[in-house]
């Protein structure tokens, strides 16, 4: 709810699929997480309908400045 109120469209996380699937998360099949991450653990949750449909490529960090 907090992410949605902040205006985010998608939540991406690395976690256990059996735990997060009942909460609405699904495997992000075209998203590549850097480092030693099992691709089966990269999950997304669309906070707006269809917001995760076109996600693909390498995840990059973005600096957030005050």
PDB file of N, CA and C in Angstrom:
ATOM      1  N   UNK A   1       0.825  -1.198   0.000  1.00  0.00           N
ATOM      2  CA  UNK A   1       0.000   0.000   0.000  1.00  0.00           C
ATOM      3  C   UNK A   1       0.864   1.255   0.000  1.00  0.00           C
ATOM      4  N   UNK A   2       1.961   1.221   0.745  1.00  0.00           N
ATOM      5  CA  UNK A   2       2.850   2.372   0.798  1.00  0.00           C
ATOM      6  C   UNK A   2       3.478   2.665  -0.551  1.00  0.00           C
ATOM      7  N   UNK A   3       3.890   1.630  -1.272  1.00  0.00           N
ATOM      8  CA  UNK A   3       4.484   1.811  -2.597  1.00  0.00           C
ATOM      9  C   UNK A   3       3.457   2.381  -3.564  1.00  0.00           C
ATOM     10  N   UNK A   4       2.241   1.911  -3.455  1.00  0.00           N
ATOM     11  CA  UNK A   4       1.177   2.419  -4.317  1.00  0.00           C
ATOM     12  C   UNK A   4       0.886   3.890  -4.014  1.00  0.00           C
ATOM     13  N   UNK A   5       0.815   4.234  -2.735  1.00  0.00           N
ATOM     14  CA  UNK A   5       0.572   5.639  -2.353  1.00  0.00           C
ATOM     15  C   UNK A   5       1.708   6.544  -2.817  1.00  0.00           C
ATOM     16  N   UNK A   6       2.925   5.998  -2.876  1.00  0.00           N
ATOM     17  CA  UNK A   6       4.083   6.785  -3.317  1.00  0.00           C
ATOM     18  C   UNK A   6       4.139   6.915  -4.838  1.00  0.00           C
ATOM     19  N   UNK A   7       3.210   6.276  -5.542  1.00  0.00           N
ATOM     20  CA  UNK A   7       3.136   6.418  -6.992  1.00  0.00           C
ATOM     21  C   UNK A   7       3.903   5.383  -7.785  1.00  0.00           C
ATOM     22  N   UNK A   8       4.386   4.337  -7.134  1.00  0.00           N
ATOM     23  CA  UNK A   8       5.122   3.301  -7.849  1.00  0.00           C
ATOM     24  C   UNK A   8       4.161   2.403  -8.605  1.00  0.00           C
ATOM     25  N   UNK A   9       4.616   1.894  -9.752  1.00  0.00           N
ATOM     26  CA  UNK A   9       3.777   1.049 -10.591  1.00  0.00           C
ATOM     27  C   UNK A   9       4.047  -0.439 -10.377  1.00  0.00           C
ATOM     28  N   UNK A  10       5.277  -0.769  -9.950  1.00  0.00           N
ATOM     29  CA  UNK A  10       5.679  -2.168  -9.828  1.00  0.00           C
ATOM     30  C   UNK A  10       6.589  -2.339  -8.625  1.00  0.00           C
ATOM     31  N   UNK A  11       6.461  -3.478  -7.951  1.00  0.00           N
ATOM     32  CA  UNK A  11       7.423  -3.870  -6.920  1.00  0.00           C
ATOM     33  C   UNK A  11       8.223  -5.029  -7.490  1.00  0.00           C
ATOM     34  N   UNK A  12       9.538  -4.955  -7.392  1.00  0.00           N
ATOM     35  CA  UNK A  12      10.431  -6.022  -7.822  1.00  0.00           C
ATOM     36  C   UNK A  12      11.207  -6.474  -6.596  1.00  0.00           C
ATOM     37  N   UNK A  13      11.275  -7.777  -6.386  1.00  0.00           N
ATOM     38  CA  UNK A  13      12.034  -8.278  -5.243  1.00  0.00           C
ATOM     39  C   UNK A  13      12.668  -9.615  -5.568  1.00  0.00           C
ATOM     40  N   UNK A  14      13.631 -10.004  -4.734  1.00  0.00           N
ATOM     41  CA  UNK A  14      14.233 -11.323  -4.800  1.00  0.00           C
ATOM     42  C   UNK A  14      13.726 -12.075  -3.582  1.00  0.00           C
ATOM     43  N   UNK A  15      12.983 -13.148  -3.815  1.00  0.00           N
ATOM     44  CA  UNK A  15      12.393 -13.871  -2.695  1.00  0.00           C
ATOM     45  C   UNK A  15      11.946 -15.257  -3.082  1.00  0.00           C
ATOM     46  N   UNK A  16      11.348 -15.947  -2.145  1.00  0.00           N
ATOM     47  CA  UNK A  16      10.860 -17.304  -2.358  1.00  0.00           C
ATOM     48  C   UNK A  16       9.503 -17.274  -3.051  1.00  0.00           C
ATOM     49  N   UNK A  17       9.448 -17.832  -4.246  1.00  0.00           N
ATOM     50  CA  UNK A  17       8.218 -17.818  -5.034  1.00  0.00           C
ATOM     51  C   UNK A  17       7.039 -18.452  -4.294  1.00  0.00           C
ATOM     52  N   UNK A  18       7.210 -19.611  -3.622  1.00  0.00           N
ATOM     53  CA  UNK A  18       6.057 -20.189  -2.916  1.00  0.00           C
ATOM     54  C   UNK A  18       5.486 -19.275  -1.822  1.00  0.00           C
ATOM     55  N   UNK A  19       6.328 -18.455  -1.224  1.00  0.00           N
ATOM     56  CA  UNK A  19       5.852 -17.537  -0.176  1.00  0.00           C
ATOM     57  C   UNK A  19       5.132 -16.329  -0.782  1.00  0.00           C
ATOM     58  N   UNK A  20       5.722 -15.741  -1.839  1.00  0.00           N
ATOM     59  CA  UNK A  20       5.208 -14.477  -2.373  1.00  0.00           C
ATOM     60  C   UNK A  20       4.105 -14.634  -3.417  1.00  0.00           C
ATOM     61  N   UNK A  21       3.980 -15.793  -4.062  1.00  0.00           N
ATOM     62  CA  UNK A  21       2.926 -15.984  -5.070  1.00  0.00           C
ATOM     63  C   UNK A  21       1.529 -15.773  -4.498  1.00  0.00           C
ATOM     64  N   UNK A  22       1.210 -16.284  -3.311  1.00  0.00           N
ATOM     65  CA  UNK A  22      -0.133 -16.025  -2.765  1.00  0.00           C
ATOM     66  C   UNK A  22      -0.401 -14.544  -2.485  1.00  0.00           C
ATOM     67  N   UNK A  23       0.656 -13.743  -2.414  1.00  0.00           N
ATOM     68  CA  UNK A  23       0.501 -12.307  -2.192  1.00  0.00           C
ATOM     69  C   UNK A  23       0.373 -11.531  -3.501  1.00  0.00           C
ATOM     70  N   UNK A  24       0.393 -12.251  -4.641  1.00  0.00           N
ATOM     71  CA  UNK A  24       0.211 -11.613  -5.937  1.00  0.00           C
ATOM     72  C   UNK A  24       1.456 -11.470  -6.780  1.00  0.00           C
ATOM     73  N   UNK A  25       2.612 -11.854  -6.265  1.00  0.00           N
ATOM     74  CA  UNK A  25       3.859 -11.743  -7.017  1.00  0.00           C
ATOM     75  C   UNK A  25       3.963 -12.869  -8.042  1.00  0.00           C
ATOM     76  N   UNK A  26       4.690 -12.605  -9.128  1.00  0.00           N
ATOM     77  CA  UNK A  26       4.926 -13.591 -10.173  1.00  0.00           C
ATOM     78  C   UNK A  26       6.384 -13.494 -10.619  1.00  0.00           C
ATOM     79  N   UNK A  27       6.889 -14.571 -11.175  1.00  0.00           N
ATOM     80  CA  UNK A  27       8.266 -14.588 -11.645  1.00  0.00           C
ATOM     81  C   UNK A  27       8.458 -13.581 -12.773  1.00  0.00           C
ATOM     82  N   UNK A  28       9.530 -12.809 -12.688  1.00  0.00           N
ATOM     83  CA  UNK A  28       9.887 -11.832 -13.722  1.00  0.00           C
ATOM     84  C   UNK A  28      10.798 -12.539 -14.713  1.00  0.00           C
ATOM     85  N   UNK A  29      10.251 -13.061 -15.755  1.00  0.00           N
ATOM     86  CA  UNK A  29      10.985 -13.947 -16.667  1.00  0.00           C
ATOM     87  C   UNK A  29      11.992 -13.239 -17.559  1.00  0.00           C
ATOM     88  N   UNK A  30      11.825 -11.954 -17.811  1.00  0.00           N
ATOM     89  CA  UNK A  30      12.737 -11.241 -18.717  1.00  0.00           C
ATOM     90  C   UNK A  30      13.582 -10.195 -17.996  1.00  0.00           C
ATOM     91  N   UNK A  31      13.586 -10.228 -16.664  1.00  0.00           N
ATOM     92  CA  UNK A  31      14.353  -9.270 -15.866  1.00  0.00           C
ATOM     93  C   UNK A  31      15.609  -9.964 -15.360  1.00  0.00           C
ATOM     94  N   UNK A  32      16.748  -9.299 -15.509  1.00  0.00           N
ATOM     95  CA  UNK A  32      18.032  -9.854 -15.076  1.00  0.00           C
ATOM     96  C   UNK A  32      18.535  -9.045 -13.890  1.00  0.00           C
ATOM     97  N   UNK A  33      18.728  -9.712 -12.768  1.00  0.00           N
ATOM     98  CA  UNK A  33      19.240  -9.075 -11.558  1.00  0.00           C
ATOM     99  C   UNK A  33      20.745  -9.314 -11.511  1.00  0.00           C
ATOM    100  N   UNK A  34      21.557  -8.271 -11.330  1.00  0.00           N
ATOM    101  CA  UNK A  34      23.010  -8.464 -11.289  1.00  0.00           C
ATOM    102  C   UNK A  34      23.438  -9.248 -10.048  1.00  0.00           C
ATOM    103  N   UNK A  35      24.618  -9.818 -10.133  1.00  0.00           N
ATOM    104  CA  UNK A  35      25.160 -10.556  -9.000  1.00  0.00           C
ATOM    105  C   UNK A  35      24.743 -12.010  -9.027  1.00  0.00           C
ATOM    106  N   UNK A  36      25.074 -12.728  -8.022  1.00  0.00           N
ATOM    107  CA  UNK A  36      24.697 -14.146  -7.986  1.00  0.00           C
ATOM    108  C   UNK A  36      23.261 -14.334  -7.498  1.00  0.00           C
ATOM    109  N   UNK A  37      22.292 -14.053  -8.373  1.00  0.00           N
ATOM    110  CA  UNK A  37      20.878 -14.165  -8.015  1.00  0.00           C
ATOM    111  C   UNK A  37      20.241 -15.254  -8.872  1.00  0.00           C
ATOM    112  N   UNK A  38      19.552 -16.179  -8.235  1.00  0.00           N
ATOM    113  CA  UNK A  38      18.817 -17.210  -8.946  1.00  0.00           C
ATOM    114  C   UNK A  38      17.651 -16.541  -9.674  1.00  0.00           C
ATOM    115  N   UNK A  39      17.589 -16.616 -11.000  1.00  0.00           N
ATOM    116  CA  UNK A  39      16.523 -15.932 -11.750  1.00  0.00           C
ATOM    117  C   UNK A  39      15.116 -16.367 -11.343  1.00  0.00           C
ATOM    118  N   UNK A  40      14.987 -17.558 -10.787  1.00  0.00           N
ATOM    119  CA  UNK A  40      13.668 -18.024 -10.347  1.00  0.00           C
ATOM    120  C   UNK A  40      13.174 -17.268  -9.123  1.00  0.00           C
ATOM    121  N   UNK A  41      14.059 -16.517  -8.476  1.00  0.00           N
ATOM    122  CA  UNK A  41      13.691 -15.777  -7.267  1.00  0.00           C
ATOM    123  C   UNK A  41      13.392 -14.299  -7.539  1.00  0.00           C
ATOM    124  N   UNK A  42      13.532 -13.861  -8.791  1.00  0.00           N
ATOM    125  CA  UNK A  42      13.236 -12.466  -9.153  1.00  0.00           C
ATOM    126  C   UNK A  42      11.747 -12.383  -9.451  1.00  0.00           C
ATOM    127  N   UNK A  43      11.023 -11.631  -8.618  1.00  0.00           N
ATOM    128  CA  UNK A  43       9.562 -11.576  -8.668  1.00  0.00           C
ATOM    129  C   UNK A  43       9.073 -10.139  -8.814  1.00  0.00           C
ATOM    130  N   UNK A  44       7.893  -9.980  -9.399  1.00  0.00           N
ATOM    131  CA  UNK A  44       7.283  -8.654  -9.515  1.00  0.00           C
ATOM    132  C   UNK A  44       5.822  -8.690  -9.072  1.00  0.00           C
ATOM    133  N   UNK A  45       5.350  -7.526  -8.697  1.00  0.00           N
ATOM    134  CA  UNK A  45       3.938  -7.319  -8.390  1.00  0.00           C
ATOM    135  C   UNK A  45       3.531  -6.005  -9.045  1.00  0.00           C
ATOM    136  N   UNK A  46       2.602  -6.064  -9.983  1.00  0.00           N
ATOM    137  CA  UNK A  46       2.106  -4.852 -10.649  1.00  0.00           C
ATOM    138  C   UNK A  46       1.128  -4.140  -9.718  1.00  0.00           C
ATOM    139  N   UNK A  47       1.373  -2.888  -9.468  1.00  0.00           N
ATOM    140  CA  UNK A  47       0.480  -2.090  -8.639  1.00  0.00           C
ATOM    141  C   UNK A  47      -0.553  -1.361  -9.484  1.00  0.00           C
ATOM    142  N   UNK A  48      -0.323  -1.351 -10.794  1.00  0.00           N
ATOM    143  CA  UNK A  48      -1.284  -0.847 -11.776  1.00  0.00           C
ATOM    144  C   UNK A  48      -1.443  -1.933 -12.828  1.00  0.00           C
ATOM    145  N   UNK A  49      -2.628  -2.161 -13.330  1.00  0.00           N
ATOM    146  CA  UNK A  49      -2.836  -3.232 -14.316  1.00  0.00           C
ATOM    147  C   UNK A  49      -1.862  -3.130 -15.490  1.00  0.00           C
ATOM    148  N   UNK A  50      -1.161  -4.231 -15.752  1.00  0.00           N
ATOM    149  CA  UNK A  50      -0.246  -4.292 -16.890  1.00  0.00           C
ATOM    150  C   UNK A  50       1.095  -3.624 -16.697  1.00  0.00           C
ATOM    151  N   UNK A  51       1.355  -3.056 -15.549  1.00  0.00           N
ATOM    152  CA  UNK A  51       2.590  -2.286 -15.347  1.00  0.00           C
ATOM    153  C   UNK A  51       3.850  -3.135 -15.448  1.00  0.00           C
ATOM    154  N   UNK A  52       3.732  -4.436 -15.245  1.00  0.00           N
ATOM    155  CA  UNK A  52       4.919  -5.298 -15.308  1.00  0.00           C
ATOM    156  C   UNK A  52       5.035  -6.067 -16.626  1.00  0.00           C
ATOM    157  N   UNK A  53       4.122  -5.851 -17.551  1.00  0.00           N
ATOM    158  CA  UNK A  53       4.100  -6.628 -18.797  1.00  0.00           C
ATOM    159  C   UNK A  53       5.323  -6.419 -19.678  1.00  0.00           C
ATOM    160  N   UNK A  54       5.876  -5.226 -19.724  1.00  0.00           N
ATOM    161  CA  UNK A  54       6.990  -4.939 -20.625  1.00  0.00           C
ATOM    162  C   UNK A  54       8.338  -4.827 -19.915  1.00  0.00           C
ATOM    163  N   UNK A  55       8.409  -5.304 -18.674  1.00  0.00           N
ATOM    164  CA  UNK A  55       9.683  -5.246 -17.959  1.00  0.00           C
ATOM    165  C   UNK A  55      10.651  -6.261 -18.549  1.00  0.00           C
ATOM    166  N   UNK A  56      11.840  -5.784 -18.885  1.00  0.00           N
ATOM    167  CA  UNK A  56      12.876  -6.689 -19.373  1.00  0.00           C
ATOM    168  C   UNK A  56      14.225  -5.996 -19.270  1.00  0.00           C
ATOM    169  N   UNK A  57      15.256  -6.809 -19.185  1.00  0.00           N
ATOM    170  CA  UNK A  57      16.615  -6.289 -19.168  1.00  0.00           C
ATOM    171  C   UNK A  57      17.247  -6.332 -17.794  1.00  0.00           C
ATOM    172  N   UNK A  58      18.398  -5.701 -17.710  1.00  0.00           N
ATOM    173  CA  UNK A  58      19.220  -5.686 -16.511  1.00  0.00           C
ATOM    174  C   UNK A  58      18.732  -4.638 -15.517  1.00  0.00           C
ATOM    175  N   UNK A  59      18.601  -5.024 -14.266  1.00  0.00           N
ATOM    176  CA  UNK A  59      18.225  -4.094 -13.203  1.00  0.00           C
ATOM    177  C   UNK A  59      19.446  -3.256 -12.851  1.00  0.00           C
ATOM    178  N   UNK A  60      19.274  -1.945 -12.792  1.00  0.00           N
ATOM    179  CA  UNK A  60      20.363  -1.025 -12.448  1.00  0.00           C
ATOM    180  C   UNK A  60      19.937  -0.173 -11.257  1.00  0.00           C
ATOM    181  N   UNK A  61      20.911   0.145 -10.421  1.00  0.00           N
ATOM    182  CA  UNK A  61      20.635   1.027  -9.274  1.00  0.00           C
ATOM    183  C   UNK A  61      20.537   2.462  -9.763  1.00  0.00           C
ATOM    184  N   UNK A  62      19.673   3.221  -9.101  1.00  0.00           N
ATOM    185  CA  UNK A  62      19.535   4.649  -9.412  1.00  0.00           C
ATOM    186  C   UNK A  62      19.752   5.412  -8.119  1.00  0.00           C
ATOM    187  N   UNK A  63      20.610   6.404  -8.187  1.00  0.00           N
ATOM    188  CA  UNK A  63      20.865   7.214  -6.992  1.00  0.00           C
ATOM    189  C   UNK A  63      19.649   8.063  -6.675  1.00  0.00           C
ATOM    190  N   UNK A  64      19.277   8.069  -5.413  1.00  0.00           N
ATOM    191  CA  UNK A  64      18.177   8.911  -4.951  1.00  0.00           C
ATOM    192  C   UNK A  64      18.780   9.990  -4.073  1.00  0.00           C
ATOM    193  N   UNK A  65      18.688  11.217  -4.512  1.00  0.00           N
ATOM    194  CA  UNK A  65      19.270  12.327  -3.792  1.00  0.00           C
ATOM    195  C   UNK A  65      18.194  13.087  -3.016  1.00  0.00           C
ATOM    196  N   UNK A  66      18.556  13.605  -1.852  1.00  0.00           N
ATOM    197  CA  UNK A  66      17.565  14.369  -1.082  1.00  0.00           C
ATOM    198  C   UNK A  66      17.152  15.660  -1.762  1.00  0.00           C
TER     199      UNK A  66
END
